[in-house]
Structure formats: C-alpha cells, structure tokens
C-alpha cells in the first residue's frame, strides 16, 4: 500500500472543515470530533469496481458513542453502500467492527466482529474488494466478510458508481450497547487518523459503470472471483471465533433466512 500519495490528489474534505488536520505533508489526515461537530472526507471521483483500502487508527480511551466509518456510497435515495463502522466503547472494553451492505437503499445486513487487536493503538489496513463476482471486506489481509453476487436467485448486488468516504461522528443513539452508553464529551476532541490515499479502482466519468467489469483490471481477474483455500479457512476461523452478530442468524429480525444467506 502506498503511503506516499498525498490526500488532495484523490480526496477532499466534505464536512467539518475546521475539524480536519493535515499531517506529514498531506500523507496523513486526522478527523476530529467534539460536541460542535464531527468531520469527514471523500474521494473526488466515483468508481465502478476496485480494491479499496485505507490505513486507519481509531480514537482511543473512552470512545463510547463515537463511530469512525470508512465506506463506499453512491448518490441518491436508492443508494448502494459498503460500510466499515468502528463502534466505540467504554475505556478498557473492545471496539466492535460492524460491516453492512446496502443495495438500492436497502441495508439491514449488519455483521459485527471483535477485532483481535486494539484498533486505537496503531494503524491497520482495511480493504474492500468489489467486482462482478463478490464483495470481500478484509482486515490486515484477512477476509472478515464475503457478499457474493447472487442476482440469479433474486438477491440485490451493488452496481452503482460509488465514492469513497471516511467520517467521524456522534452515534450515541445506537452505537454502544444499543444506545444505552452515551458519549462522554470530557474526552473530546476524539481523533481518528487515516493514511494510504492512493486508489486502486475503475474511475467512472458518467453514471455508467459497465466498463468497470473488464478483466483488464487486476481486481477483476479470476483470482479474485472467490477466496482461495487459505483465505477461505481464515474467513471460517474469523466467523467462528470473532463474530458477535450476524443478521443472517437473527431469527427475531428475519423469521425467514434472507436469500443471500442461504
């Protein structure tokens, strides 16, 4: 991963301008949040496929109620979206990492894992592979979630051009213990740091992302159509050992198993 690319080559601040700090000649960006505002940045371009990545260090100490998000999202009400959301916690308790997949404005596909390290202690790499066959979320090269293309059985699959975004915001209404644990502003400003601003993805100049499925892009090659045996066994281990919530097995919310979970 290239940590030399400067922030402003591919990204711009989208909100909370006075809460964004540029470090190391623009090779690192710090988003901050206090009780007046959070902050966020986004890519200047939209993309139709790619292997997206960001190195992130999330806020430390008492971060309950605070969410650091890194995601892809299309425009409009019926949007597609692929999310990493770090759900803060009381000091000494672990962060939860939530992922979600939206298709045509419809989300509610949350999965949560405990991380096997402290994401506030150092930078770690978070990646999203998105091609015509699968979407894979990776933490330090280990797959933690796979969403396969199953349009043949009527399952929606993200197909709209998406921008890359990163935000730091107050989600005390739901993020920690279902919203019971609130943000403690005496710990503000909360700070999240980001590196790795090069982009490996297919730029979309119009809303047409068709050419982005071309095999000329390395992330579309057959090697990335499914997990190889090593990655598959890593993925099974993560599900078994670290997953704390999976909408696929939540019979209260989904008395019938969602199609994509079968």
Protein backbone atom coordinates (compact mmCIF):
# COMPACT_ATOMS: atom_id res chain seq x y z
CA UNK A 1 0.00 0.00 0.00
CA UNK A 2 1.34 3.39 -0.99
CA UNK A 3 1.55 5.81 1.94
CA UNK A 4 3.28 8.47 -0.17
CA UNK A 5 0.26 9.66 -2.15
CA UNK A 6 -0.97 12.99 -0.83
CA UNK A 7 -4.53 13.36 0.39
CA UNK A 8 -5.52 16.08 -2.07
CA UNK A 9 -4.58 14.00 -5.13
CA UNK A 10 -7.70 11.86 -4.78
CA UNK A 11 -9.67 13.23 -1.83
CA UNK A 12 -11.26 16.39 -0.42
CA UNK A 13 -12.87 17.43 2.86
CA UNK A 14 -16.67 17.10 2.68
CA UNK A 15 -17.74 18.39 6.11
CA UNK A 16 -16.38 19.77 9.37
CA UNK A 17 -13.58 21.62 7.57
CA UNK A 18 -12.24 23.17 10.79
CA UNK A 19 -12.19 19.68 12.40
CA UNK A 20 -9.78 18.19 9.82
CA UNK A 21 -5.99 18.30 10.33
CA UNK A 22 -3.43 17.52 7.61
CA UNK A 23 -0.22 15.86 8.84
CA UNK A 24 3.09 14.77 7.25
CA UNK A 25 2.70 16.99 4.14
CA UNK A 26 -0.81 15.68 3.49
CA UNK A 27 0.13 12.00 3.72
CA UNK A 28 -1.92 11.60 6.88
CA UNK A 29 -5.28 13.13 7.76
CA UNK A 30 -6.77 13.47 11.22
CA UNK A 31 -10.54 13.78 11.60
CA UNK A 32 -11.64 15.25 14.92
CA UNK A 33 -14.99 15.43 16.70
CA UNK A 34 -16.23 17.49 19.61
CA UNK A 35 -19.73 18.44 20.70
CA UNK A 36 -19.93 21.13 18.00
CA UNK A 37 -19.15 18.90 15.00
CA UNK A 38 -17.65 15.75 13.57
CA UNK A 39 -15.87 15.68 10.20
CA UNK A 40 -15.41 13.70 7.02
CA UNK A 41 -13.64 13.43 3.67
CA UNK A 42 -14.49 11.81 0.35
CA UNK A 43 -12.96 10.89 -2.98
CA UNK A 44 -13.19 13.43 -5.80
CA UNK A 45 -14.12 10.65 -8.23
CA UNK A 46 -16.68 7.83 -8.27
CA UNK A 47 -15.71 4.24 -9.03
CA UNK A 48 -17.40 1.18 -10.52
CA UNK A 49 -15.16 -1.60 -9.19
CA UNK A 50 -11.89 -1.84 -7.33
CA UNK A 51 -9.80 -2.99 -4.40
CA UNK A 52 -10.23 -0.08 -1.99
CA UNK A 53 -8.04 0.40 1.05
CA UNK A 54 -7.32 2.75 3.92
CA UNK A 55 -4.97 2.60 6.88
CA UNK A 56 -6.88 3.73 9.96
CA UNK A 57 -6.20 4.38 13.64
CA UNK A 58 -9.43 4.99 15.57
CA UNK A 59 -9.99 7.21 18.67
CA UNK A 60 -8.62 5.79 21.92
CA UNK A 61 -9.66 5.86 25.58
CA UNK A 62 -13.33 6.38 26.29
CA UNK A 63 -14.86 6.31 22.80
CA UNK A 64 -18.38 5.09 23.62
CA UNK A 65 -20.95 6.60 21.24
CA UNK A 66 -18.27 7.56 18.71
CA UNK A 67 -18.29 5.97 15.24
CA UNK A 68 -15.36 6.02 12.81
CA UNK A 69 -16.60 4.99 9.36
CA UNK A 70 -14.85 4.07 6.12
CA UNK A 71 -17.20 3.21 3.29
CA UNK A 72 -18.23 3.38 -0.36
CA UNK A 73 -21.52 5.04 -1.24
CA UNK A 74 -23.45 6.07 -4.35
CA UNK A 75 -25.62 9.20 -4.63
CA UNK A 76 -29.41 9.36 -4.28
CA UNK A 77 -32.08 7.80 -2.08
CA UNK A 78 -31.85 4.29 -3.59
CA UNK A 79 -28.15 4.19 -2.95
CA UNK A 80 -25.65 1.34 -2.81
CA UNK A 81 -23.20 1.35 0.09
CA UNK A 82 -20.45 -0.82 1.59
CA UNK A 83 -19.52 0.03 5.18
CA UNK A 84 -16.83 -0.44 7.76
CA UNK A 85 -18.05 1.13 11.03
CA UNK A 86 -15.92 1.11 14.18
CA UNK A 87 -18.25 1.27 17.16
CA UNK A 88 -16.52 2.98 20.10
CA UNK A 89 -16.72 1.65 23.65
CA UNK A 90 -16.08 2.45 27.30
CA UNK A 91 -12.42 2.55 28.24
CA UNK A 92 -10.98 -0.96 28.57
CA UNK A 93 -13.77 -2.56 26.55
CA UNK A 94 -13.13 -3.64 22.96
CA UNK A 95 -14.27 -1.83 19.84
CA UNK A 96 -16.76 -3.67 17.66
CA UNK A 97 -16.26 -3.54 13.89
CA UNK A 98 -19.57 -3.52 12.05
CA UNK A 99 -19.92 -4.09 8.31
CA UNK A 100 -23.03 -3.52 6.22
CA UNK A 101 -24.11 -3.83 2.58
CA UNK A 102 -26.80 -1.60 1.04
CA UNK A 103 -28.42 -2.24 -2.33
CA UNK A 104 -30.97 0.23 -3.77
CA UNK A 105 -31.30 1.98 -0.42
CA UNK A 106 -31.92 -1.26 1.47
CA UNK A 107 -29.41 -2.11 4.22
CA UNK A 108 -30.05 -4.03 7.46
CA UNK A 109 -27.31 -6.55 6.63
CA UNK A 110 -25.15 -5.89 9.68
CA UNK A 111 -22.40 -8.19 10.85
CA UNK A 112 -20.16 -7.41 13.83
CA UNK A 113 -16.82 -8.80 14.90
CA UNK A 114 -14.44 -8.27 17.80
CA UNK A 115 -11.02 -7.40 16.48
CA UNK A 116 -8.01 -9.50 17.57
CA UNK A 117 -6.03 -6.30 18.27
CA UNK A 118 -6.67 -2.81 19.63
CA UNK A 119 -7.53 -0.66 16.56
CA UNK A 120 -6.83 2.53 18.52
CA UNK A 121 -3.21 1.58 19.34
CA UNK A 122 -1.84 1.66 15.80
CA UNK A 123 -2.69 1.85 12.10
CA UNK A 124 -4.20 -1.25 10.49
CA UNK A 125 -5.28 -1.79 6.93
CA UNK A 126 -8.95 -2.13 5.95
CA UNK A 127 -9.86 -3.15 2.41
CA UNK A 128 -12.96 -3.70 0.30
CA UNK A 129 -12.79 -5.79 -2.87
CA UNK A 130 -15.73 -5.09 -5.20
CA UNK A 131 -16.02 -6.79 -8.56
CA UNK A 132 -18.69 -8.59 -10.62
CA UNK A 133 -18.39 -11.77 -8.53
CA UNK A 134 -18.02 -10.83 -4.90
CA UNK A 135 -17.52 -8.16 -2.28
CA UNK A 136 -14.94 -9.01 0.37
CA UNK A 137 -14.10 -6.97 3.48
CA UNK A 138 -10.53 -7.50 4.73
CA UNK A 139 -8.75 -6.53 7.94
CA UNK A 140 -4.95 -6.70 7.54
CA UNK A 141 -5.39 -9.01 4.51
CA UNK A 142 -7.69 -11.39 6.42
CA UNK A 143 -11.23 -11.67 4.98
CA UNK A 144 -13.88 -10.96 7.61
CA UNK A 145 -16.94 -10.82 5.34
CA UNK A 146 -17.95 -12.07 1.90
CA UNK A 147 -21.06 -10.95 -0.02
CA UNK A 148 -21.35 -12.96 -3.21
CA UNK A 149 -23.19 -11.92 -6.35
CA UNK A 150 -26.42 -13.98 -6.45
CA UNK A 151 -28.61 -11.90 -8.74
CA UNK A 152 -29.62 -15.17 -10.44
CA UNK A 153 -31.73 -16.04 -7.37
CA UNK A 154 -33.09 -12.51 -6.92
CA UNK A 155 -30.56 -11.07 -4.47
CA UNK A 156 -29.60 -7.42 -5.00
CA UNK A 157 -25.95 -6.59 -5.71
CA UNK A 158 -24.29 -3.15 -5.62
CA UNK A 159 -23.86 -1.90 -9.18
CA UNK A 160 -23.92 1.92 -8.96
CA UNK A 161 -20.81 4.07 -9.14
CA UNK A 162 -19.67 4.82 -5.60
CA UNK A 163 -17.43 7.37 -3.92
CA UNK A 164 -15.04 6.59 -1.08
CA UNK A 165 -15.81 8.34 2.21
CA UNK A 166 -14.46 8.45 5.76
CA UNK A 167 -16.24 10.12 8.67
CA UNK A 168 -16.03 10.58 12.43
CA UNK A 169 -19.40 11.22 14.04
CA UNK A 170 -21.54 11.02 17.17
CA UNK A 171 -23.81 7.96 17.11
CA UNK A 172 -24.62 7.74 20.79
CA UNK A 173 -28.27 6.97 19.99
CA UNK A 174 -27.31 3.44 18.85
CA UNK A 175 -23.58 2.67 18.63
CA UNK A 176 -22.73 1.39 22.11
CA UNK A 177 -24.92 -1.12 23.99
CA UNK A 178 -27.82 -0.27 21.71
CA UNK A 179 -27.56 3.42 22.65
CA UNK A 180 -27.53 2.93 26.43
CA UNK A 181 -23.93 4.12 26.79
CA UNK A 182 -23.64 7.78 25.76
CA UNK A 183 -20.75 9.90 24.51
CA UNK A 184 -18.59 11.35 27.30
CA UNK A 185 -17.63 14.78 25.94
CA UNK A 186 -15.00 15.32 28.64
CA UNK A 187 -12.79 13.07 26.45
CA UNK A 188 -13.23 15.30 23.36
CA UNK A 189 -11.81 16.05 20.93
CA UNK A 190 -11.94 12.48 19.63
CA UNK A 191 -9.38 11.83 16.87
CA UNK A 192 -9.21 9.30 14.02
CA UNK A 193 -6.17 9.09 11.73
CA UNK A 194 -6.03 7.95 8.10
CA UNK A 195 -3.22 7.04 5.67
CA UNK A 196 -2.97 5.47 2.23
CA UNK A 197 -4.63 7.82 -0.25
CA UNK A 198 -3.75 6.05 -3.49
CA UNK A 199 -6.79 4.40 -5.14
CA UNK A 200 -6.87 1.05 -6.99
CA UNK A 201 -10.23 1.29 -8.74
CA UNK A 202 -12.04 1.90 -12.02
CA UNK A 203 -12.96 5.59 -12.37
CA UNK A 204 -16.47 6.27 -13.64
CA UNK A 205 -16.83 9.53 -15.55
CA UNK A 206 -20.55 9.09 -16.27
CA UNK A 207 -23.06 7.05 -14.30
CA UNK A 208 -22.22 4.06 -16.50
CA UNK A 209 -20.02 1.55 -14.67
CA UNK A 210 -20.23 -1.17 -17.36
CA UNK A 211 -16.59 -0.98 -18.50
CA UNK A 212 -15.51 -1.45 -14.87
CA UNK A 213 -16.10 -5.21 -15.10
CA UNK A 214 -13.30 -5.56 -17.68
CA UNK A 215 -10.70 -8.25 -16.92
CA UNK A 216 -8.03 -5.68 -17.73
CA UNK A 217 -8.36 -4.51 -14.14
CA UNK A 218 -6.36 -6.83 -11.87
CA UNK A 219 -9.05 -6.98 -9.16
CA UNK A 220 -11.49 -8.42 -11.74
CA UNK A 221 -9.18 -11.28 -12.70
CA UNK A 222 -10.23 -14.86 -11.98
CA UNK A 223 -8.01 -14.97 -8.90
CA UNK A 224 -10.49 -12.57 -7.22
CA UNK A 225 -13.72 -14.33 -8.20
CA UNK A 226 -13.69 -16.35 -4.98
CA UNK A 227 -11.49 -16.82 -1.93
CA UNK A 228 -8.53 -19.15 -2.35
CA UNK A 229 -8.29 -22.09 0.13
CA UNK A 230 -6.03 -20.22 2.57
CA UNK A 231 -8.28 -17.12 2.67
CA UNK A 232 -11.36 -19.33 2.92
CA UNK A 233 -10.00 -21.08 6.01
CA UNK A 234 -9.03 -17.71 7.55
CA UNK A 235 -12.56 -16.48 6.89
CA UNK A 236 -14.15 -19.56 8.52
CA UNK A 237 -11.96 -19.05 11.57
CA UNK A 238 -12.95 -15.37 11.87
CA UNK A 239 -16.65 -16.24 11.65
CA UNK A 240 -16.26 -18.96 14.25
CA UNK A 241 -14.04 -17.10 16.67
CA UNK A 242 -14.72 -13.37 16.38
CA UNK A 243 -18.21 -12.78 15.00
CA UNK A 244 -20.53 -11.36 17.67
CA UNK A 245 -23.58 -10.60 15.49
CA UNK A 246 -24.81 -11.78 12.10
CA UNK A 247 -28.11 -10.66 10.61
CA UNK A 248 -28.24 -13.99 8.76
CA UNK A 249 -28.82 -15.86 12.02
CA UNK A 250 -31.10 -13.27 13.68
CA UNK A 251 -34.49 -15.04 13.60
CA UNK A 252 -36.14 -12.23 15.59
CA UNK A 253 -35.46 -9.73 12.82
CA UNK A 254 -35.63 -12.26 10.00
CA UNK A 255 -38.00 -15.17 10.75
CA UNK A 256 -37.17 -16.32 7.23
CA UNK A 257 -33.48 -16.57 6.33
CA UNK A 258 -32.57 -13.79 3.85
CA UNK A 259 -31.94 -15.21 0.39
CA UNK A 260 -28.30 -14.13 0.24
CA UNK A 261 -27.60 -16.02 3.50
CA UNK A 262 -28.70 -19.41 2.17
